[in-house]
Protein backbone atom coordinates (compact mmCIF):
# COMPACT_ATOMS: atom_id res chain seq x y z
CA MET A 1 -17.92 12.89 7.22
CA LYS A 2 -18.41 9.54 5.48
CA GLU A 3 -19.60 11.23 2.30
CA GLY A 4 -16.57 13.51 2.40
CA MET A 5 -14.18 10.56 2.69
CA GLN A 6 -15.90 8.79 -0.21
CA TRP A 7 -15.68 11.97 -2.31
CA LEU A 8 -11.99 12.36 -1.47
CA ALA A 9 -11.29 8.73 -2.43
CA ARG A 10 -13.00 9.27 -5.82
CA VAL A 11 -11.08 12.49 -6.49
CA ARG A 12 -7.75 10.90 -5.51
CA ALA A 13 -8.48 7.90 -7.74
CA GLY A 14 -9.32 10.18 -10.66
CA TRP A 15 -6.40 12.59 -10.42
CA CYS A 16 -3.60 11.26 -8.20
CA THR A 17 -3.19 7.59 -9.08
CA GLN A 18 -1.78 5.28 -11.67
CA GLU A 19 -2.62 1.73 -12.61
CA VAL A 20 -0.72 -0.99 -10.77
CA ALA A 21 -0.96 -4.77 -10.92
CA TYR A 22 -1.75 -6.47 -7.61
CA LYS A 23 -1.08 -10.21 -7.32
CA GLN A 24 -2.29 -12.36 -4.46
CA GLY A 25 -1.72 -16.08 -4.96
CA ASP A 26 -3.45 -17.07 -8.20
CA SER A 27 -5.58 -13.90 -8.25
CA SER A 28 -4.54 -10.63 -9.83
CA TYR A 29 -6.19 -7.23 -9.92
CA THR A 30 -5.59 -3.99 -11.76
CA VAL A 31 -6.07 -1.16 -9.29
CA HIS A 32 -5.40 2.57 -9.13
CA ALA A 33 -2.84 3.48 -6.47
CA SER A 34 -1.19 6.58 -5.08
CA PRO A 35 2.40 5.71 -4.12
CA GLY A 36 4.10 7.31 -1.15
CA ILE A 37 6.86 6.73 1.36
CA SER A 38 6.73 6.19 5.13
CA LYS A 39 9.90 7.01 7.04
CA TYR A 40 10.66 5.55 10.42
CA GLU A 41 13.43 5.35 13.02
CA LYS A 42 14.49 2.42 15.15
CA SER A 43 16.75 2.66 18.18
CA THR A 44 18.99 -0.24 19.18
CA VAL A 45 19.95 -1.25 22.71
CA GLY A 46 23.28 0.56 22.25
CA GLY A 47 21.48 3.79 21.34
CA VAL A 48 22.22 3.68 17.61
CA ILE A 49 19.33 5.11 15.62
CA THR A 50 18.64 3.54 12.24
CA GLU A 51 16.50 5.48 9.78
CA SER A 52 14.67 3.67 7.04
CA SER A 53 11.69 4.01 4.76
CA MET A 54 9.20 1.86 2.96
CA TRP A 55 6.85 2.35 0.04
CA ASP A 56 3.15 2.72 0.80
CA PHE A 57 0.31 2.57 -1.69
CA LEU A 58 -3.11 4.16 -1.12
CA ILE A 59 -5.79 2.12 -2.88
CA ASN A 60 -9.56 2.49 -2.72
CA ALA A 61 -11.10 -0.52 -0.95
CA ASP A 62 -13.77 -0.67 -3.70
CA ASP A 63 -11.07 -1.69 -6.20
CA PHE A 64 -10.95 -5.14 -4.53
CA PRO A 65 -13.57 -7.87 -3.93
CA ALA A 66 -15.66 -7.39 -0.79
CA GLU A 67 -13.78 -9.82 1.48
CA PHE A 68 -10.29 -8.95 0.19
CA GLU A 69 -7.47 -8.31 2.65
CA PRO A 70 -3.81 -7.65 1.75
CA THR A 71 -1.42 -10.36 2.90
CA PRO A 72 2.36 -10.27 3.41
CA GLY A 73 4.01 -11.73 0.32
CA ASP A 74 1.48 -10.28 -2.16
CA VAL A 75 3.19 -8.34 -4.95
CA LEU A 76 2.41 -4.94 -6.51
CA THR A 77 3.94 -4.03 -9.87
CA MET A 78 4.26 -0.38 -10.93
CA ASP A 79 6.50 1.15 -13.61
CA ASP A 80 8.34 -2.16 -14.16
CA LYS A 81 9.22 -2.40 -10.46
CA GLN A 82 7.91 -4.97 -8.02
CA TYR A 83 6.99 -4.27 -4.40
CA GLU A 84 6.30 -6.98 -1.84
CA ILE A 85 3.58 -6.39 0.73
CA THR A 86 5.23 -6.54 4.16
CA ASN A 87 4.38 -5.88 7.79
CA PHE A 88 5.14 -2.44 9.24
CA GLY A 89 5.31 -2.42 13.02
CA ASP A 90 1.97 -2.62 14.79
CA ASP A 91 0.11 -1.67 11.58
CA GLY A 92 0.58 -5.12 10.06
CA CYS A 93 0.85 -5.01 6.28
CA PHE A 94 -1.96 -2.47 5.83
CA ARG A 95 -4.32 -0.16 7.63
CA TYR A 96 -7.41 1.77 6.70
CA CYS A 97 -6.96 5.50 6.25
CA ASP A 98 -10.37 6.37 7.67
CA PRO A 99 -12.99 4.92 10.02
CA TYR A 100 -15.25 4.03 7.06
CA HIS A 101 -12.68 1.71 5.42
CA THR A 102 -12.76 3.73 2.19
CA THR A 103 -9.01 3.64 1.47
CA LEU A 104 -6.28 1.13 2.29
CA ARG A 105 -2.68 2.13 3.04
CA ILE A 106 -0.65 -0.93 2.01
CA HIS A 107 2.97 -1.21 3.22
CA THR A 108 5.58 -2.65 0.86
CA ARG A 109 9.29 -3.01 0.24
CA LEU A 110 10.93 -2.65 -3.16
CA LEU A 111 11.96 -6.00 -4.63
CA GLY A 112 13.50 -4.58 -7.81
CA ASP A 113 12.92 -4.33 -11.54
CA THR A 114 10.71 -6.87 -13.25
CA SER A 115 13.41 -7.34 -15.91
CA THR A 116 15.92 -8.79 -13.41
């Protein structure tokens, strides 16, 4: 199973990603990410259901230094748009996609264009 997850991460990185800039404090990395969207619903006390979504990015853990961990407030830049890493419910700001920690799913919110 572990070998299969590593193979899948390599194939995804080779065919289904694009380069993004990841900035954490004074450090920055160029990584290959697969963007996606997570949709969720939240119910209020009055029974009103609010639907929303947030951008997720799948990134191979090997693209970062060994002890790296995403932190809320970090910024991803893709296609002249900036995304801030943010917490998403009980997941925190990221979670691993598999038990072998091959791929990170990083939760973000769109900040806007880099030109503004």
